Amino acid sequence: MIALENLRARMEAYRRSRLSLTEFGEAVLAHREDFSRHNPIDRWWGGTHLTNDNLWRWSPTLVKH
């Protein structure tokens, strides 16, 4: 078990850190890369087998108003 003091120190270090996007992250946001192609899924969750073969995607162009 991690000591509470260690968790506090880690949280403070995180809060002081500067975050930035990688080139890959920028490419994903620009729709030039697909995150799921680089991070395949193959696991069971709540009785459902999750894989990359049938990912659900949200597309604003397919939304009916």
PDB file of N, CA and C in Angstrom:
ATOM      1  N   MET A   1       0.839  -1.175   0.000  1.00  0.00           N
ATOM      2  CA  MET A   1       0.000   0.000   0.000  1.00  0.00           C
ATOM      3  C   MET A   1       0.891   1.247   0.000  1.00  0.00           C
ATOM      4  N   ILE A   2       0.502   2.237  -0.777  1.00  0.00           N
ATOM      5  CA  ILE A   2       1.272   3.478  -0.877  1.00  0.00           C
ATOM      6  C   ILE A   2       0.917   4.389   0.289  1.00  0.00           C
ATOM      7  N   ALA A   3       1.942   4.930   0.931  1.00  0.00           N
ATOM      8  CA  ALA A   3       1.719   5.817   2.071  1.00  0.00           C
ATOM      9  C   ALA A   3       1.008   7.088   1.620  1.00  0.00           C
ATOM     10  N   LEU A   4       0.129   7.607   2.469  1.00  0.00           N
ATOM     11  CA  LEU A   4      -0.638   8.807   2.162  1.00  0.00           C
ATOM     12  C   LEU A   4       0.273   9.994   1.855  1.00  0.00           C
ATOM     13  N   GLU A   5       1.384  10.119   2.587  1.00  0.00           N
ATOM     14  CA  GLU A   5       2.313  11.220   2.348  1.00  0.00           C
ATOM     15  C   GLU A   5       2.895  11.133   0.938  1.00  0.00           C
ATOM     16  N   ASN A   6       3.194   9.909   0.502  1.00  0.00           N
ATOM     17  CA  ASN A   6       3.744   9.710  -0.836  1.00  0.00           C
ATOM     18  C   ASN A   6       2.716  10.108  -1.894  1.00  0.00           C
ATOM     19  N   LEU A   7       1.454   9.780  -1.667  1.00  0.00           N
ATOM     20  CA  LEU A   7       0.409  10.164  -2.611  1.00  0.00           C
ATOM     21  C   LEU A   7       0.279  11.680  -2.702  1.00  0.00           C
ATOM     22  N   ARG A   8       0.353  12.334  -1.572  1.00  0.00           N
ATOM     23  CA  ARG A   8       0.273  13.801  -1.575  1.00  0.00           C
ATOM     24  C   ARG A   8       1.447  14.413  -2.333  1.00  0.00           C
ATOM     25  N   ALA A   9       2.639  13.900  -2.099  1.00  0.00           N
ATOM     26  CA  ALA A   9       3.828  14.415  -2.787  1.00  0.00           C
ATOM     27  C   ALA A   9       3.713  14.187  -4.295  1.00  0.00           C
ATOM     28  N   ARG A  10       3.227  13.032  -4.675  1.00  0.00           N
ATOM     29  CA  ARG A  10       3.061  12.737  -6.094  1.00  0.00           C
ATOM     30  C   ARG A  10       2.027  13.654  -6.728  1.00  0.00           C
ATOM     31  N   MET A  11       0.933  13.919  -6.023  1.00  0.00           N
ATOM     32  CA  MET A  11      -0.109  14.800  -6.547  1.00  0.00           C
ATOM     33  C   MET A  11       0.424  16.220  -6.709  1.00  0.00           C
ATOM     34  N   GLU A  12       1.182  16.689  -5.749  1.00  0.00           N
ATOM     35  CA  GLU A  12       1.756  18.033  -5.846  1.00  0.00           C
ATOM     36  C   GLU A  12       2.739  18.124  -7.012  1.00  0.00           C
ATOM     37  N   ALA A  13       3.548  17.100  -7.204  1.00  0.00           N
ATOM     38  CA  ALA A  13       4.485  17.089  -8.332  1.00  0.00           C
ATOM     39  C   ALA A  13       3.716  17.108  -9.651  1.00  0.00           C
ATOM     40  N   TYR A  14       2.615  16.372  -9.715  1.00  0.00           N
ATOM     41  CA  TYR A  14       1.783  16.360 -10.919  1.00  0.00           C
ATOM     42  C   TYR A  14       1.188  17.746 -11.172  1.00  0.00           C
ATOM     43  N   ARG A  15       0.688  18.379 -10.145  1.00  0.00           N
ATOM     44  CA  ARG A  15       0.079  19.707 -10.296  1.00  0.00           C
ATOM     45  C   ARG A  15       1.087  20.753 -10.771  1.00  0.00           C
ATOM     46  N   ARG A  16       2.337  20.582 -10.417  1.00  0.00           N
ATOM     47  CA  ARG A  16       3.377  21.530 -10.838  1.00  0.00           C
ATOM     48  C   ARG A  16       3.904  21.223 -12.238  1.00  0.00           C
ATOM     49  N   SER A  17       3.618  20.045 -12.749  1.00  0.00           N
ATOM     50  CA  SER A  17       4.178  19.639 -14.036  1.00  0.00           C
ATOM     51  C   SER A  17       3.493  20.359 -15.195  1.00  0.00           C
ATOM     52  N   ARG A  18       4.189  20.385 -16.298  1.00  0.00           N
ATOM     53  CA  ARG A  18       3.653  20.995 -17.514  1.00  0.00           C
ATOM     54  C   ARG A  18       3.349  19.875 -18.500  1.00  0.00           C
ATOM     55  N   LEU A  19       2.112  19.798 -18.919  1.00  0.00           N
ATOM     56  CA  LEU A  19       1.690  18.757 -19.844  1.00  0.00           C
ATOM     57  C   LEU A  19       1.695  19.289 -21.267  1.00  0.00           C
ATOM     58  N   SER A  20       1.970  18.407 -22.214  1.00  0.00           N
ATOM     59  CA  SER A  20       1.928  18.799 -23.622  1.00  0.00           C
ATOM     60  C   SER A  20       1.560  17.588 -24.469  1.00  0.00           C
ATOM     61  N   LEU A  21       1.025  17.854 -25.641  1.00  0.00           N
ATOM     62  CA  LEU A  21       0.673  16.784 -26.566  1.00  0.00           C
ATOM     63  C   LEU A  21       1.910  16.283 -27.296  1.00  0.00           C
ATOM     64  N   THR A  22       1.929  14.995 -27.547  1.00  0.00           N
ATOM     65  CA  THR A  22       2.972  14.424 -28.394  1.00  0.00           C
ATOM     66  C   THR A  22       2.575  14.643 -29.853  1.00  0.00           C
ATOM     67  N   GLU A  23       3.487  14.363 -30.767  1.00  0.00           N
ATOM     68  CA  GLU A  23       3.156  14.442 -32.194  1.00  0.00           C
ATOM     69  C   GLU A  23       2.017  13.486 -32.520  1.00  0.00           C
ATOM     70  N   PHE A  24       2.040  12.306 -31.906  1.00  0.00           N
ATOM     71  CA  PHE A  24       0.973  11.335 -32.135  1.00  0.00           C
ATOM     72  C   PHE A  24      -0.360  11.875 -31.627  1.00  0.00           C
ATOM     73  N   GLY A  25      -0.364  12.480 -30.457  1.00  0.00           N
ATOM     74  CA  GLY A  25      -1.588  13.064 -29.917  1.00  0.00           C
ATOM     75  C   GLY A  25      -2.145  14.147 -30.819  1.00  0.00           C
ATOM     76  N   GLU A  26      -1.276  14.973 -31.365  1.00  0.00           N
ATOM     77  CA  GLU A  26      -1.716  16.013 -32.296  1.00  0.00           C
ATOM     78  C   GLU A  26      -2.298  15.395 -33.562  1.00  0.00           C
ATOM     79  N   ALA A  27      -1.681  14.308 -34.044  1.00  0.00           N
ATOM     80  CA  ALA A  27      -2.184  13.635 -35.246  1.00  0.00           C
ATOM     81  C   ALA A  27      -3.549  13.002 -34.994  1.00  0.00           C
ATOM     82  N   VAL A  28      -3.757  12.446 -33.810  1.00  0.00           N
ATOM     83  CA  VAL A  28      -5.066  11.875 -33.469  1.00  0.00           C
ATOM     84  C   VAL A  28      -6.117  12.975 -33.445  1.00  0.00           C
ATOM     85  N   LEU A  29      -5.811  14.094 -32.815  1.00  0.00           N
ATOM     86  CA  LEU A  29      -6.765  15.204 -32.753  1.00  0.00           C
ATOM     87  C   LEU A  29      -7.080  15.770 -34.135  1.00  0.00           C
ATOM     88  N   ALA A  30      -6.119  15.704 -35.042  1.00  0.00           N
ATOM     89  CA  ALA A  30      -6.319  16.205 -36.402  1.00  0.00           C
ATOM     90  C   ALA A  30      -6.914  15.141 -37.325  1.00  0.00           C
ATOM     91  N   HIS A  31      -7.236  13.961 -36.775  1.00  0.00           N
ATOM     92  CA  HIS A  31      -7.818  12.837 -37.531  1.00  0.00           C
ATOM     93  C   HIS A  31      -6.867  12.289 -38.596  1.00  0.00           C
ATOM     94  N   ARG A  32      -5.565  12.450 -38.395  1.00  0.00           N
ATOM     95  CA  ARG A  32      -4.581  11.856 -39.294  1.00  0.00           C
ATOM     96  C   ARG A  32      -4.152  10.481 -38.806  1.00  0.00           C
ATOM     97  N   GLU A  33      -4.388  10.178 -37.544  1.00  0.00           N
ATOM     98  CA  GLU A  33      -4.075   8.878 -36.946  1.00  0.00           C
ATOM     99  C   GLU A  33      -5.296   8.379 -36.203  1.00  0.00           C
ATOM    100  N   ASP A  34      -5.358   7.071 -36.017  1.00  0.00           N
ATOM    101  CA  ASP A  34      -6.448   6.436 -35.282  1.00  0.00           C
ATOM    102  C   ASP A  34      -5.854   5.796 -34.025  1.00  0.00           C
ATOM    103  N   PHE A  35      -6.248   6.305 -32.872  1.00  0.00           N
ATOM    104  CA  PHE A  35      -5.713   5.811 -31.604  1.00  0.00           C
ATOM    105  C   PHE A  35      -5.885   4.300 -31.466  1.00  0.00           C
ATOM    106  N   SER A  36      -7.022   3.777 -31.898  1.00  0.00           N
ATOM    107  CA  SER A  36      -7.302   2.350 -31.704  1.00  0.00           C
ATOM    108  C   SER A  36      -6.388   1.454 -32.537  1.00  0.00           C
ATOM    109  N   ARG A  37      -5.862   1.945 -33.643  1.00  0.00           N
ATOM    110  CA  ARG A  37      -4.932   1.127 -34.437  1.00  0.00           C
ATOM    111  C   ARG A  37      -3.617   0.919 -33.706  1.00  0.00           C
ATOM    112  N   HIS A  38      -3.259   1.837 -32.844  1.00  0.00           N
ATOM    113  CA  HIS A  38      -2.005   1.752 -32.097  1.00  0.00           C
ATOM    114  C   HIS A  38      -2.198   1.152 -30.703  1.00  0.00           C
ATOM    115  N   ASN A  39      -3.437   0.997 -30.275  1.00  0.00           N
ATOM    116  CA  ASN A  39      -3.758   0.461 -28.950  1.00  0.00           C
ATOM    117  C   ASN A  39      -4.912  -0.527 -29.064  1.00  0.00           C
ATOM    118  N   PRO A  40      -4.626  -1.724 -29.580  1.00  0.00           N
ATOM    119  CA  PRO A  40      -5.703  -2.693 -29.798  1.00  0.00           C
ATOM    120  C   PRO A  40      -6.370  -3.133 -28.495  1.00  0.00           C
ATOM    121  N   ILE A  41      -7.659  -3.447 -28.615  1.00  0.00           N
ATOM    122  CA  ILE A  41      -8.466  -3.897 -27.483  1.00  0.00           C
ATOM    123  C   ILE A  41      -8.792  -5.370 -27.688  1.00  0.00           C
ATOM    124  N   ASP A  42      -8.605  -6.170 -26.671  1.00  0.00           N
ATOM    125  CA  ASP A  42      -9.029  -7.573 -26.689  1.00  0.00           C
ATOM    126  C   ASP A  42      -9.230  -8.005 -25.247  1.00  0.00           C
ATOM    127  N   ARG A  43     -10.431  -7.722 -24.716  1.00  0.00           N
ATOM    128  CA  ARG A  43     -10.721  -8.077 -23.332  1.00  0.00           C
ATOM    129  C   ARG A  43     -12.224  -8.241 -23.143  1.00  0.00           C
ATOM    130  N   TRP A  44     -12.566  -8.869 -22.066  1.00  0.00           N
ATOM    131  CA  TRP A  44     -13.964  -9.050 -21.689  1.00  0.00           C
ATOM    132  C   TRP A  44     -14.330  -8.006 -20.651  1.00  0.00           C
ATOM    133  N   TRP A  45     -15.502  -7.380 -20.820  1.00  0.00           N
ATOM    134  CA  TRP A  45     -15.976  -6.356 -19.890  1.00  0.00           C
ATOM    135  C   TRP A  45     -17.477  -6.567 -19.702  1.00  0.00           C
ATOM    136  N   GLY A  46     -17.859  -6.940 -18.500  1.00  0.00           N
ATOM    137  CA  GLY A  46     -19.280  -7.126 -18.204  1.00  0.00           C
ATOM    138  C   GLY A  46     -19.956  -8.154 -19.085  1.00  0.00           C
ATOM    139  N   GLY A  47     -19.253  -9.214 -19.433  1.00  0.00           N
ATOM    140  CA  GLY A  47     -19.832 -10.265 -20.263  1.00  0.00           C
ATOM    141  C   GLY A  47     -19.790  -9.974 -21.756  1.00  0.00           C
ATOM    142  N   THR A  48     -19.139  -8.895 -22.149  1.00  0.00           N
ATOM    143  CA  THR A  48     -19.040  -8.528 -23.563  1.00  0.00           C
ATOM    144  C   THR A  48     -17.578  -8.566 -23.984  1.00  0.00           C
ATOM    145  N   HIS A  49     -17.311  -9.228 -25.104  1.00  0.00           N
ATOM    146  CA  HIS A  49     -15.949  -9.306 -25.620  1.00  0.00           C
ATOM    147  C   HIS A  49     -15.671  -8.060 -26.452  1.00  0.00           C
ATOM    148  N   LEU A  50     -14.762  -7.240 -25.990  1.00  0.00           N
ATOM    149  CA  LEU A  50     -14.402  -6.006 -26.683  1.00  0.00           C
ATOM    150  C   LEU A  50     -13.173  -6.237 -27.546  1.00  0.00           C
ATOM    151  N   THR A  51     -13.287  -5.901 -28.825  1.00  0.00           N
ATOM    152  CA  THR A  51     -12.156  -5.978 -29.755  1.00  0.00           C
ATOM    153  C   THR A  51     -12.210  -4.777 -30.691  1.00  0.00           C
ATOM    154  N   ASN A  52     -11.164  -4.600 -31.459  1.00  0.00           N
ATOM    155  CA  ASN A  52     -11.128  -3.510 -32.433  1.00  0.00           C
ATOM    156  C   ASN A  52     -11.954  -3.817 -33.680  1.00  0.00           C
ATOM    157  N   ASP A  53     -12.438  -5.056 -33.810  1.00  0.00           N
ATOM    158  CA  ASP A  53     -13.184  -5.433 -35.009  1.00  0.00           C
ATOM    159  C   ASP A  53     -14.503  -4.692 -35.155  1.00  0.00           C
ATOM    160  N   ASN A  54     -15.098  -4.273 -34.048  1.00  0.00           N
ATOM    161  CA  ASN A  54     -16.409  -3.639 -34.116  1.00  0.00           C
ATOM    162  C   ASN A  54     -16.493  -2.483 -33.116  1.00  0.00           C
ATOM    163  N   LEU A  55     -15.629  -1.505 -33.290  1.00  0.00           N
ATOM    164  CA  LEU A  55     -15.631  -0.354 -32.387  1.00  0.00           C
ATOM    165  C   LEU A  55     -16.806   0.565 -32.697  1.00  0.00           C
ATOM    166  N   TRP A  56     -17.373   1.131 -31.671  1.00  0.00           N
ATOM    167  CA  TRP A  56     -18.416   2.138 -31.854  1.00  0.00           C
ATOM    168  C   TRP A  56     -17.731   3.477 -32.036  1.00  0.00           C
ATOM    169  N   ARG A  57     -18.163   4.210 -33.023  1.00  0.00           N
ATOM    170  CA  ARG A  57     -17.604   5.531 -33.298  1.00  0.00           C
ATOM    171  C   ARG A  57     -18.733   6.549 -33.314  1.00  0.00           C
ATOM    172  N   TRP A  58     -18.452   7.739 -32.846  1.00  0.00           N
ATOM    173  CA  TRP A  58     -19.410   8.825 -32.916  1.00  0.00           C
ATOM    174  C   TRP A  58     -19.027   9.705 -34.082  1.00  0.00           C
ATOM    175  N   SER A  59     -19.998  10.006 -34.924  1.00  0.00           N
ATOM    176  CA  SER A  59     -19.758  10.869 -36.070  1.00  0.00           C
ATOM    177  C   SER A  59     -20.833  11.948 -36.113  1.00  0.00           C
ATOM    178  N   PRO A  60     -20.449  13.208 -36.024  1.00  0.00           N
ATOM    179  CA  PRO A  60     -21.458  14.275 -36.046  1.00  0.00           C
ATOM    180  C   PRO A  60     -22.242  14.315 -37.351  1.00  0.00           C
ATOM    181  N   THR A  61     -21.665  13.800 -38.438  1.00  0.00           N
ATOM    182  CA  THR A  61     -22.377  13.815 -39.718  1.00  0.00           C
ATOM    183  C   THR A  61     -23.509  12.799 -39.761  1.00  0.00           C
ATOM    184  N   LEU A  62     -23.488  11.797 -38.883  1.00  0.00           N
ATOM    185  CA  LEU A  62     -24.532  10.772 -38.864  1.00  0.00           C
ATOM    186  C   LEU A  62     -25.641  11.068 -37.869  1.00  0.00           C
ATOM    187  N   VAL A  63     -25.495  12.121 -37.085  1.00  0.00           N
ATOM    188  CA  VAL A  63     -26.496  12.468 -36.076  1.00  0.00           C
ATOM    189  C   VAL A  63     -27.690  13.122 -36.756  1.00  0.00           C
ATOM    190  N   LYS A  64     -28.883  12.592 -36.444  1.00  0.00           N
ATOM    191  CA  LYS A  64     -30.115  13.164 -37.000  1.00  0.00           C
ATOM    192  C   LYS A  64     -30.687  14.160 -36.011  1.00  0.00           C
ATOM    193  N   HIS A  65     -31.039  15.328 -36.497  1.00  0.00           N
ATOM    194  CA  HIS A  65     -31.614  16.370 -35.632  1.00  0.00           C
ATOM    195  C   HIS A  65     -33.100  16.444 -35.813  1.00  0.00           C
TER     196      HIS A  65
END
